[in-house]
Amino acid sequence: MNWYVYIVKCRDDSLYTGITNDLKRRLFEHNTDNLKGAKSLRGKRPVRLVYSEEYKTQIV
């Protein structure tokens, strides 16, 4: 399983950094009204991916 370190840019131009093993799912979670997205992003949607890097393990 590969892991991704990613940065998204929020509606207010702030940046958020995260890590996930499913980048597409995580971006969906950040941009929808569910309880799985980061709490700190809920008032800053939509977010868009500006950077990602793929790794073989979660330990970077």
PDB file of N, CA and C in Angstrom:
ATOM      1  N   MET A   1       0.842  -1.173   0.000  1.00  0.00           N
ATOM      2  CA  MET A   1       0.000   0.000   0.000  1.00  0.00           C
ATOM      3  C   MET A   1       0.891   1.240   0.000  1.00  0.00           C
ATOM      4  N   ASN A   2       0.607   2.164  -0.902  1.00  0.00           N
ATOM      5  CA  ASN A   2       1.362   3.410  -0.963  1.00  0.00           C
ATOM      6  C   ASN A   2       0.710   4.481  -0.102  1.00  0.00           C
ATOM      7  N   TRP A   3       1.512   5.422   0.329  1.00  0.00           N
ATOM      8  CA  TRP A   3       1.051   6.544   1.148  1.00  0.00           C
ATOM      9  C   TRP A   3       1.351   7.840   0.422  1.00  0.00           C
ATOM     10  N   TYR A   4       0.546   8.849   0.699  1.00  0.00           N
ATOM     11  CA  TYR A   4       0.687  10.146   0.049  1.00  0.00           C
ATOM     12  C   TYR A   4       0.754  11.247   1.095  1.00  0.00           C
ATOM     13  N   VAL A   5       1.740  12.100   0.961  1.00  0.00           N
ATOM     14  CA  VAL A   5       1.788  13.350   1.709  1.00  0.00           C
ATOM     15  C   VAL A   5       1.238  14.383   0.736  1.00  0.00           C
ATOM     16  N   TYR A   6       0.308  15.214   1.211  1.00  0.00           N
ATOM     17  CA  TYR A   6      -0.342  16.141   0.296  1.00  0.00           C
ATOM     18  C   TYR A   6      -0.552  17.508   0.945  1.00  0.00           C
ATOM     19  N   ILE A   7      -0.691  18.496   0.091  1.00  0.00           N
ATOM     20  CA  ILE A   7      -1.014  19.855   0.527  1.00  0.00           C
ATOM     21  C   ILE A   7      -2.213  20.313  -0.284  1.00  0.00           C
ATOM     22  N   VAL A   8      -3.216  20.844   0.419  1.00  0.00           N
ATOM     23  CA  VAL A   8      -4.365  21.435  -0.257  1.00  0.00           C
ATOM     24  C   VAL A   8      -4.414  22.924   0.055  1.00  0.00           C
ATOM     25  N   LYS A   9      -4.948  23.660  -0.891  1.00  0.00           N
ATOM     26  CA  LYS A   9      -5.158  25.096  -0.701  1.00  0.00           C
ATOM     27  C   LYS A   9      -6.644  25.316  -0.465  1.00  0.00           C
ATOM     28  N   CYS A  10      -6.948  26.074   0.567  1.00  0.00           N
ATOM     29  CA  CYS A  10      -8.334  26.315   0.966  1.00  0.00           C
ATOM     30  C   CYS A  10      -8.890  27.568   0.299  1.00  0.00           C
ATOM     31  N   ARG A  11     -10.199  27.720   0.422  1.00  0.00           N
ATOM     32  CA  ARG A  11     -10.893  28.877  -0.144  1.00  0.00           C
ATOM     33  C   ARG A  11     -10.297  30.194   0.355  1.00  0.00           C
ATOM     34  N   ASP A  12      -9.833  30.215   1.599  1.00  0.00           N
ATOM     35  CA  ASP A  12      -9.256  31.444   2.169  1.00  0.00           C
ATOM     36  C   ASP A  12      -7.746  31.560   1.925  1.00  0.00           C
ATOM     37  N   ASP A  13      -7.221  30.743   1.027  1.00  0.00           N
ATOM     38  CA  ASP A  13      -5.802  30.708   0.640  1.00  0.00           C
ATOM     39  C   ASP A  13      -4.879  30.107   1.698  1.00  0.00           C
ATOM     40  N   SER A  14      -5.420  29.577   2.781  1.00  0.00           N
ATOM     41  CA  SER A  14      -4.570  28.874   3.744  1.00  0.00           C
ATOM     42  C   SER A  14      -4.221  27.499   3.176  1.00  0.00           C
ATOM     43  N   LEU A  15      -3.177  26.892   3.730  1.00  0.00           N
ATOM     44  CA  LEU A  15      -2.715  25.580   3.287  1.00  0.00           C
ATOM     45  C   LEU A  15      -2.913  24.560   4.395  1.00  0.00           C
ATOM     46  N   TYR A  16      -3.163  23.326   3.997  1.00  0.00           N
ATOM     47  CA  TYR A  16      -3.334  22.218   4.936  1.00  0.00           C
ATOM     48  C   TYR A  16      -2.493  21.061   4.424  1.00  0.00           C
ATOM     49  N   THR A  17      -1.737  20.426   5.294  1.00  0.00           N
ATOM     50  CA  THR A  17      -0.908  19.279   4.936  1.00  0.00           C
ATOM     51  C   THR A  17      -1.458  18.036   5.606  1.00  0.00           C
ATOM     52  N   GLY A  18      -1.511  16.940   4.860  1.00  0.00           N
ATOM     53  CA  GLY A  18      -2.013  15.692   5.420  1.00  0.00           C
ATOM     54  C   GLY A  18      -1.289  14.496   4.845  1.00  0.00           C
ATOM     55  N   ILE A  19      -1.655  13.319   5.351  1.00  0.00           N
ATOM     56  CA  ILE A  19      -1.111  12.056   4.866  1.00  0.00           C
ATOM     57  C   ILE A  19      -2.263  11.065   4.760  1.00  0.00           C
ATOM     58  N   THR A  20      -2.250  10.250   3.704  1.00  0.00           N
ATOM     59  CA  THR A  20      -3.328   9.291   3.474  1.00  0.00           C
ATOM     60  C   THR A  20      -2.823   8.147   2.607  1.00  0.00           C
ATOM     61  N   ASN A  21      -3.552   7.055   2.614  1.00  0.00           N
ATOM     62  CA  ASN A  21      -3.234   5.954   1.703  1.00  0.00           C
ATOM     63  C   ASN A  21      -4.201   5.927   0.517  1.00  0.00           C
ATOM     64  N   ASP A  22      -5.140   6.871   0.466  1.00  0.00           N
ATOM     65  CA  ASP A  22      -6.094   6.977  -0.641  1.00  0.00           C
ATOM     66  C   ASP A  22      -6.368   8.463  -0.891  1.00  0.00           C
ATOM     67  N   LEU A  23      -5.619   9.038  -1.780  1.00  0.00           N
ATOM     68  CA  LEU A  23      -5.667  10.481  -1.999  1.00  0.00           C
ATOM     69  C   LEU A  23      -7.016  10.934  -2.552  1.00  0.00           C
ATOM     70  N   LYS A  24      -7.560  10.207  -3.497  1.00  0.00           N
ATOM     71  CA  LYS A  24      -8.852  10.577  -4.085  1.00  0.00           C
ATOM     72  C   LYS A  24      -9.957  10.586  -3.024  1.00  0.00           C
ATOM     73  N   ARG A  25      -9.993   9.552  -2.196  1.00  0.00           N
ATOM     74  CA  ARG A  25     -10.998   9.468  -1.129  1.00  0.00           C
ATOM     75  C   ARG A  25     -10.835  10.612  -0.142  1.00  0.00           C
ATOM     76  N   ARG A  26      -9.592  10.894   0.229  1.00  0.00           N
ATOM     77  CA  ARG A  26      -9.346  11.925   1.236  1.00  0.00           C
ATOM     78  C   ARG A  26      -9.760  13.308   0.735  1.00  0.00           C
ATOM     79  N   LEU A  27      -9.479  13.612  -0.515  1.00  0.00           N
ATOM     80  CA  LEU A  27      -9.906  14.893  -1.075  1.00  0.00           C
ATOM     81  C   LEU A  27     -11.424  14.988  -1.099  1.00  0.00           C
ATOM     82  N   PHE A  28     -12.089  13.888  -1.431  1.00  0.00           N
ATOM     83  CA  PHE A  28     -13.550  13.854  -1.393  1.00  0.00           C
ATOM     84  C   PHE A  28     -14.051  14.129   0.024  1.00  0.00           C
ATOM     85  N   GLU A  29     -13.439  13.487   1.013  1.00  0.00           N
ATOM     86  CA  GLU A  29     -13.843  13.692   2.407  1.00  0.00           C
ATOM     87  C   GLU A  29     -13.650  15.147   2.839  1.00  0.00           C
ATOM     88  N   HIS A  30     -12.564  15.753   2.424  1.00  0.00           N
ATOM     89  CA  HIS A  30     -12.311  17.148   2.788  1.00  0.00           C
ATOM     90  C   HIS A  30     -13.332  18.102   2.155  1.00  0.00           C
ATOM     91  N   ASN A  31     -13.849  17.739   1.001  1.00  0.00           N
ATOM     92  CA  ASN A  31     -14.724  18.645   0.263  1.00  0.00           C
ATOM     93  C   ASN A  31     -16.212  18.371   0.428  1.00  0.00           C
ATOM     94  N   THR A  32     -16.591  17.407   1.240  1.00  0.00           N
ATOM     95  CA  THR A  32     -18.005  17.101   1.426  1.00  0.00           C
ATOM     96  C   THR A  32     -18.390  17.235   2.890  1.00  0.00           C
ATOM     97  N   ASP A  33     -19.684  17.314   3.110  1.00  0.00           N
ATOM     98  CA  ASP A  33     -20.206  17.434   4.475  1.00  0.00           C
ATOM     99  C   ASP A  33     -20.301  16.056   5.120  1.00  0.00           C
ATOM    100  N   ASN A  34     -19.207  15.568   5.621  1.00  0.00           N
ATOM    101  CA  ASN A  34     -19.212  14.323   6.386  1.00  0.00           C
ATOM    102  C   ASN A  34     -18.296  14.516   7.590  1.00  0.00           C
ATOM    103  N   LEU A  35     -18.275  13.559   8.446  1.00  0.00           N
ATOM    104  CA  LEU A  35     -17.481  13.687   9.667  1.00  0.00           C
ATOM    105  C   LEU A  35     -16.061  13.164   9.514  1.00  0.00           C
ATOM    106  N   LYS A  36     -15.688  12.725   8.315  1.00  0.00           N
ATOM    107  CA  LYS A  36     -14.358  12.153   8.121  1.00  0.00           C
ATOM    108  C   LYS A  36     -13.325  13.171   7.652  1.00  0.00           C
ATOM    109  N   GLY A  37     -13.754  14.305   7.142  1.00  0.00           N
ATOM    110  CA  GLY A  37     -12.819  15.350   6.728  1.00  0.00           C
ATOM    111  C   GLY A  37     -12.249  16.058   7.948  1.00  0.00           C
ATOM    112  N   ALA A  38     -11.140  16.723   7.766  1.00  0.00           N
ATOM    113  CA  ALA A  38     -10.497  17.443   8.870  1.00  0.00           C
ATOM    114  C   ALA A  38     -11.408  18.558   9.384  1.00  0.00           C
ATOM    115  N   LYS A  39     -11.568  18.630  10.690  1.00  0.00           N
ATOM    116  CA  LYS A  39     -12.421  19.662  11.294  1.00  0.00           C
ATOM    117  C   LYS A  39     -11.948  21.060  10.931  1.00  0.00           C
ATOM    118  N   SER A  40     -10.652  21.240  10.852  1.00  0.00           N
ATOM    119  CA  SER A  40     -10.108  22.575  10.576  1.00  0.00           C
ATOM    120  C   SER A  40     -10.421  23.063   9.163  1.00  0.00           C
ATOM    121  N   LEU A  41     -10.868  22.175   8.276  1.00  0.00           N
ATOM    122  CA  LEU A  41     -11.165  22.573   6.899  1.00  0.00           C
ATOM    123  C   LEU A  41     -12.647  22.806   6.650  1.00  0.00           C
ATOM    124  N   ARG A  42     -13.491  22.475   7.578  1.00  0.00           N
ATOM    125  CA  ARG A  42     -14.938  22.512   7.330  1.00  0.00           C
ATOM    126  C   ARG A  42     -15.459  23.880   6.921  1.00  0.00           C
ATOM    127  N   GLY A  43     -14.914  24.939   7.439  1.00  0.00           N
ATOM    128  CA  GLY A  43     -15.363  26.268   7.044  1.00  0.00           C
ATOM    129  C   GLY A  43     -14.561  26.874   5.912  1.00  0.00           C
ATOM    130  N   LYS A  44     -13.662  26.095   5.324  1.00  0.00           N
ATOM    131  CA  LYS A  44     -12.742  26.627   4.312  1.00  0.00           C
ATOM    132  C   LYS A  44     -12.894  25.943   2.959  1.00  0.00           C
ATOM    133  N   ARG A  45     -13.951  25.197   2.778  1.00  0.00           N
ATOM    134  CA  ARG A  45     -14.172  24.492   1.514  1.00  0.00           C
ATOM    135  C   ARG A  45     -14.607  25.451   0.422  1.00  0.00           C
ATOM    136  N   PRO A  46     -14.328  25.103  -0.819  1.00  0.00           N
ATOM    137  CA  PRO A  46     -13.670  23.893  -1.273  1.00  0.00           C
ATOM    138  C   PRO A  46     -12.151  23.986  -1.121  1.00  0.00           C
ATOM    139  N   VAL A  47     -11.533  22.825  -1.086  1.00  0.00           N
ATOM    140  CA  VAL A  47     -10.073  22.759  -1.083  1.00  0.00           C
ATOM    141  C   VAL A  47      -9.634  22.140  -2.403  1.00  0.00           C
ATOM    142  N   ARG A  48      -8.426  22.496  -2.828  1.00  0.00           N
ATOM    143  CA  ARG A  48      -7.902  21.891  -4.057  1.00  0.00           C
ATOM    144  C   ARG A  48      -6.472  21.433  -3.816  1.00  0.00           C
ATOM    145  N   LEU A  49      -6.153  20.336  -4.414  1.00  0.00           N
ATOM    146  CA  LEU A  49      -4.825  19.748  -4.274  1.00  0.00           C
ATOM    147  C   LEU A  49      -3.804  20.617  -4.994  1.00  0.00           C
ATOM    148  N   VAL A  50      -2.734  20.983  -4.283  1.00  0.00           N
ATOM    149  CA  VAL A  50      -1.662  21.760  -4.911  1.00  0.00           C
ATOM    150  C   VAL A  50      -0.343  20.996  -4.951  1.00  0.00           C
ATOM    151  N   TYR A  51      -0.238  19.908  -4.161  1.00  0.00           N
ATOM    152  CA  TYR A  51       1.017  19.151  -4.136  1.00  0.00           C
ATOM    153  C   TYR A  51       0.770  17.784  -3.520  1.00  0.00           C
ATOM    154  N   SER A  52       1.440  16.773  -4.047  1.00  0.00           N
ATOM    155  CA  SER A  52       1.428  15.449  -3.411  1.00  0.00           C
ATOM    156  C   SER A  52       2.706  14.703  -3.762  1.00  0.00           C
ATOM    157  N   GLU A  53       3.107  13.842  -2.848  1.00  0.00           N
ATOM    158  CA  GLU A  53       4.257  12.952  -3.040  1.00  0.00           C
ATOM    159  C   GLU A  53       3.849  11.570  -2.589  1.00  0.00           C
ATOM    160  N   GLU A  54       4.288  10.563  -3.319  1.00  0.00           N
ATOM    161  CA  GLU A  54       3.948   9.177  -3.012  1.00  0.00           C
ATOM    162  C   GLU A  54       5.138   8.480  -2.351  1.00  0.00           C
ATOM    163  N   TYR A  55       4.827   7.672  -1.331  1.00  0.00           N
ATOM    164  CA  TYR A  55       5.847   6.910  -0.605  1.00  0.00           C
ATOM    165  C   TYR A  55       5.396   5.465  -0.459  1.00  0.00           C
ATOM    166  N   LYS A  56       6.341   4.574  -0.320  1.00  0.00           N
ATOM    167  CA  LYS A  56       6.040   3.149  -0.165  1.00  0.00           C
ATOM    168  C   LYS A  56       5.557   2.797   1.235  1.00  0.00           C
ATOM    169  N   THR A  57       5.930   3.598   2.236  1.00  0.00           N
ATOM    170  CA  THR A  57       5.513   3.343   3.615  1.00  0.00           C
ATOM    171  C   THR A  57       4.977   4.629   4.226  1.00  0.00           C
ATOM    172  N   GLN A  58       4.312   4.489   5.362  1.00  0.00           N
ATOM    173  CA  GLN A  58       3.764   5.651   6.054  1.00  0.00           C
ATOM    174  C   GLN A  58       4.859   6.457   6.744  1.00  0.00           C
ATOM    175  N   ILE A  59       5.971   5.835   7.035  1.00  0.00           N
ATOM    176  CA  ILE A  59       7.078   6.511   7.702  1.00  0.00           C
ATOM    177  C   ILE A  59       7.876   7.272   6.658  1.00  0.00           C
ATOM    178  N   VAL A  60       7.857   8.588   6.778  1.00  0.00           N
ATOM    179  CA  VAL A  60       8.519   9.435   5.777  1.00  0.00           C
ATOM    180  C   VAL A  60       9.731  10.090   6.397  1.00  0.00           C
TER     181      VAL A  60
END
